[in-house]
Amino acid sequence: MKAVIAAACSLSLTYEMIQLLFGLGSFDVDDLILNTLGGILGYVPAKWIHRMIYYRERRLRMFQSIKK
């Protein structure tokens, strides 16, 4: 989870720095915080779905080996 937070924060900081350097907007700490939070909130359901699929496939393989 630490890696996800670091990646989301780094990516958000990159966006904010590009806005500041190229005059495309203004650097806003609120955007940095909310973008990082959005990255975390997007990771949680993705991880949950990944686990559901993984364990479903694992159970299917286990039951298929029992049938043989």
N, C-alpha and C. Protein backbone atom coordinates (compact mmCIF):
# COMPACT_ATOMS: atom_id res chain seq x y z
N MET A 1 0.82 -1.19 0.00
CA MET A 1 0.00 0.00 0.00
C MET A 1 0.87 1.26 0.00
N LYS A 2 2.04 1.18 0.65
CA LYS A 2 2.93 2.34 0.67
C LYS A 2 3.39 2.71 -0.74
N ALA A 3 3.62 1.69 -1.55
CA ALA A 3 4.06 1.95 -2.93
C ALA A 3 2.96 2.64 -3.73
N VAL A 4 1.72 2.26 -3.48
CA VAL A 4 0.59 2.89 -4.18
C VAL A 4 0.47 4.35 -3.78
N ILE A 5 0.59 4.61 -2.50
CA ILE A 5 0.51 5.99 -2.01
C ILE A 5 1.65 6.82 -2.60
N ALA A 6 2.86 6.26 -2.59
CA ALA A 6 4.01 6.98 -3.14
C ALA A 6 3.83 7.24 -4.64
N ALA A 7 3.34 6.25 -5.37
CA ALA A 7 3.15 6.42 -6.81
C ALA A 7 2.06 7.45 -7.10
N ALA A 8 0.95 7.38 -6.38
CA ALA A 8 -0.15 8.32 -6.60
C ALA A 8 0.29 9.75 -6.25
N CYS A 9 1.01 9.89 -5.16
CA CYS A 9 1.48 11.22 -4.75
C CYS A 9 2.51 11.76 -5.75
N SER A 10 3.42 10.91 -6.20
CA SER A 10 4.43 11.34 -7.17
C SER A 10 3.81 11.76 -8.49
N LEU A 11 2.86 10.98 -8.96
CA LEU A 11 2.19 11.31 -10.22
C LEU A 11 1.41 12.61 -10.09
N SER A 12 0.73 12.78 -8.98
CA SER A 12 -0.03 14.01 -8.75
C SER A 12 0.90 15.21 -8.65
N LEU A 13 2.02 15.04 -7.97
CA LEU A 13 3.00 16.12 -7.85
C LEU A 13 3.57 16.48 -9.22
N THR A 14 3.79 15.47 -10.06
CA THR A 14 4.27 15.71 -11.42
C THR A 14 3.28 16.56 -12.20
N TYR A 15 2.00 16.21 -12.12
CA TYR A 15 0.97 17.00 -12.81
C TYR A 15 0.96 18.44 -12.32
N GLU A 16 1.05 18.62 -11.03
CA GLU A 16 1.02 19.97 -10.46
C GLU A 16 2.26 20.77 -10.88
N MET A 17 3.42 20.13 -10.91
CA MET A 17 4.64 20.83 -11.31
C MET A 17 4.59 21.22 -12.78
N ILE A 18 4.03 20.35 -13.63
CA ILE A 18 3.89 20.69 -15.05
C ILE A 18 2.97 21.89 -15.22
N GLN A 19 1.88 21.91 -14.46
CA GLN A 19 0.97 23.06 -14.51
C GLN A 19 1.70 24.34 -14.11
N LEU A 20 2.50 24.25 -13.07
CA LEU A 20 3.22 25.42 -12.57
C LEU A 20 4.28 25.89 -13.57
N LEU A 21 5.05 24.95 -14.11
CA LEU A 21 6.15 25.31 -15.01
C LEU A 21 5.69 25.86 -16.35
N PHE A 22 4.61 25.31 -16.89
CA PHE A 22 4.15 25.72 -18.21
C PHE A 22 3.00 26.71 -18.17
N GLY A 23 2.61 27.14 -17.00
CA GLY A 23 1.55 28.13 -16.87
C GLY A 23 0.19 27.62 -17.32
N LEU A 24 -0.02 26.33 -17.19
CA LEU A 24 -1.29 25.73 -17.62
C LEU A 24 -2.35 25.76 -16.52
N GLY A 25 -1.98 26.19 -15.38
CA GLY A 25 -2.89 26.25 -14.24
C GLY A 25 -2.10 26.72 -13.05
N SER A 26 -2.62 26.48 -11.90
CA SER A 26 -1.90 26.88 -10.70
C SER A 26 -1.63 25.66 -9.83
N PHE A 27 -0.52 25.73 -9.11
CA PHE A 27 -0.16 24.66 -8.19
C PHE A 27 -1.11 24.75 -7.00
N ASP A 28 -1.83 23.67 -6.73
CA ASP A 28 -2.80 23.68 -5.64
C ASP A 28 -2.59 22.43 -4.79
N VAL A 29 -2.33 22.65 -3.52
CA VAL A 29 -2.09 21.53 -2.60
C VAL A 29 -3.34 20.67 -2.48
N ASP A 30 -4.51 21.29 -2.56
CA ASP A 30 -5.76 20.51 -2.49
C ASP A 30 -5.82 19.48 -3.62
N ASP A 31 -5.42 19.87 -4.82
CA ASP A 31 -5.39 18.93 -5.94
C ASP A 31 -4.43 17.78 -5.67
N LEU A 32 -3.29 18.11 -5.10
CA LEU A 32 -2.30 17.09 -4.77
C LEU A 32 -2.88 16.06 -3.80
N ILE A 33 -3.53 16.54 -2.77
CA ILE A 33 -4.13 15.66 -1.76
C ILE A 33 -5.27 14.84 -2.35
N LEU A 34 -6.16 15.50 -3.08
CA LEU A 34 -7.32 14.80 -3.63
C LEU A 34 -6.94 13.81 -4.72
N ASN A 35 -5.96 14.14 -5.54
CA ASN A 35 -5.50 13.19 -6.56
C ASN A 35 -4.86 11.96 -5.92
N THR A 36 -4.09 12.18 -4.86
CA THR A 36 -3.49 11.05 -4.14
C THR A 36 -4.58 10.19 -3.51
N LEU A 37 -5.56 10.82 -2.91
CA LEU A 37 -6.68 10.07 -2.32
C LEU A 37 -7.45 9.30 -3.39
N GLY A 38 -7.63 9.91 -4.55
CA GLY A 38 -8.30 9.24 -5.66
C GLY A 38 -7.52 8.02 -6.14
N GLY A 39 -6.21 8.12 -6.17
CA GLY A 39 -5.39 6.97 -6.54
C GLY A 39 -5.54 5.83 -5.55
N ILE A 40 -5.58 6.17 -4.28
CA ILE A 40 -5.75 5.14 -3.24
C ILE A 40 -7.14 4.52 -3.34
N LEU A 41 -8.15 5.35 -3.51
CA LEU A 41 -9.52 4.84 -3.61
C LEU A 41 -9.74 4.03 -4.88
N GLY A 42 -8.99 4.29 -5.91
CA GLY A 42 -9.07 3.47 -7.12
C GLY A 42 -8.34 2.15 -6.97
N TYR A 43 -7.29 2.14 -6.16
CA TYR A 43 -6.51 0.93 -5.95
C TYR A 43 -7.28 -0.11 -5.15
N VAL A 44 -8.03 0.33 -4.16
CA VAL A 44 -8.72 -0.60 -3.26
C VAL A 44 -9.71 -1.50 -4.02
N PRO A 45 -10.64 -0.96 -4.82
CA PRO A 45 -11.53 -1.87 -5.55
C PRO A 45 -10.80 -2.70 -6.61
N ALA A 46 -9.75 -2.14 -7.21
CA ALA A 46 -8.99 -2.91 -8.20
C ALA A 46 -8.33 -4.12 -7.54
N LYS A 47 -7.77 -3.93 -6.37
CA LYS A 47 -7.15 -5.03 -5.64
C LYS A 47 -8.20 -6.06 -5.23
N TRP A 48 -9.36 -5.60 -4.80
CA TRP A 48 -10.45 -6.49 -4.40
C TRP A 48 -10.92 -7.34 -5.58
N ILE A 49 -11.10 -6.72 -6.73
CA ILE A 49 -11.53 -7.45 -7.93
C ILE A 49 -10.45 -8.45 -8.35
N HIS A 50 -9.19 -8.04 -8.29
CA HIS A 50 -8.09 -8.94 -8.64
C HIS A 50 -8.10 -10.17 -7.74
N ARG A 51 -8.29 -9.97 -6.45
CA ARG A 51 -8.33 -11.10 -5.53
C ARG A 51 -9.50 -12.02 -5.81
N MET A 52 -10.67 -11.44 -6.10
CA MET A 52 -11.83 -12.26 -6.41
C MET A 52 -11.56 -13.14 -7.63
N ILE A 53 -11.00 -12.57 -8.67
CA ILE A 53 -10.71 -13.33 -9.89
C ILE A 53 -9.65 -14.39 -9.62
N TYR A 54 -8.61 -14.03 -8.89
CA TYR A 54 -7.52 -14.97 -8.61
C TYR A 54 -8.04 -16.17 -7.82
N TYR A 55 -8.79 -15.92 -6.75
CA TYR A 55 -9.27 -17.03 -5.92
C TYR A 55 -10.32 -17.85 -6.64
N ARG A 56 -11.09 -17.23 -7.52
CA ARG A 56 -12.07 -17.98 -8.30
C ARG A 56 -11.36 -18.94 -9.25
N GLU A 57 -10.35 -18.44 -9.94
CA GLU A 57 -9.58 -19.30 -10.84
C GLU A 57 -8.86 -20.40 -10.07
N ARG A 58 -8.37 -20.08 -8.91
CA ARG A 58 -7.67 -21.07 -8.08
C ARG A 58 -8.62 -22.18 -7.66
N ARG A 59 -9.84 -21.80 -7.24
CA ARG A 59 -10.83 -22.81 -6.86
C ARG A 59 -11.23 -23.66 -8.06
N LEU A 60 -11.39 -23.04 -9.22
CA LEU A 60 -11.75 -23.80 -10.41
C LEU A 60 -10.67 -24.82 -10.77
N ARG A 61 -9.41 -24.41 -10.70
CA ARG A 61 -8.32 -25.35 -10.98
C ARG A 61 -8.31 -26.49 -9.97
N MET A 62 -8.58 -26.17 -8.71
CA MET A 62 -8.58 -27.19 -7.67
C MET A 62 -9.70 -28.21 -7.92
N PHE A 63 -10.90 -27.72 -8.23
CA PHE A 63 -12.02 -28.63 -8.47
C PHE A 63 -11.83 -29.42 -9.76
N GLN A 64 -11.21 -28.83 -10.76
CA GLN A 64 -10.95 -29.55 -12.00
C GLN A 64 -9.94 -30.68 -11.79
N SER A 65 -8.99 -30.46 -10.92
CA SER A 65 -8.01 -31.51 -10.63
C SER A 65 -8.64 -32.64 -9.82
N ILE A 66 -9.65 -32.33 -9.02
CA ILE A 66 -10.36 -33.35 -8.25
C ILE A 66 -11.20 -34.22 -9.18
N LYS A 67 -11.81 -33.63 -10.20
CA LYS A 67 -12.67 -34.37 -11.12
C LYS A 67 -11.88 -35.38 -11.95
N LYS A 68 -10.62 -35.12 -12.19
CA LYS A 68 -9.80 -36.02 -13.02
C LYS A 68 -9.50 -37.25 -12.26
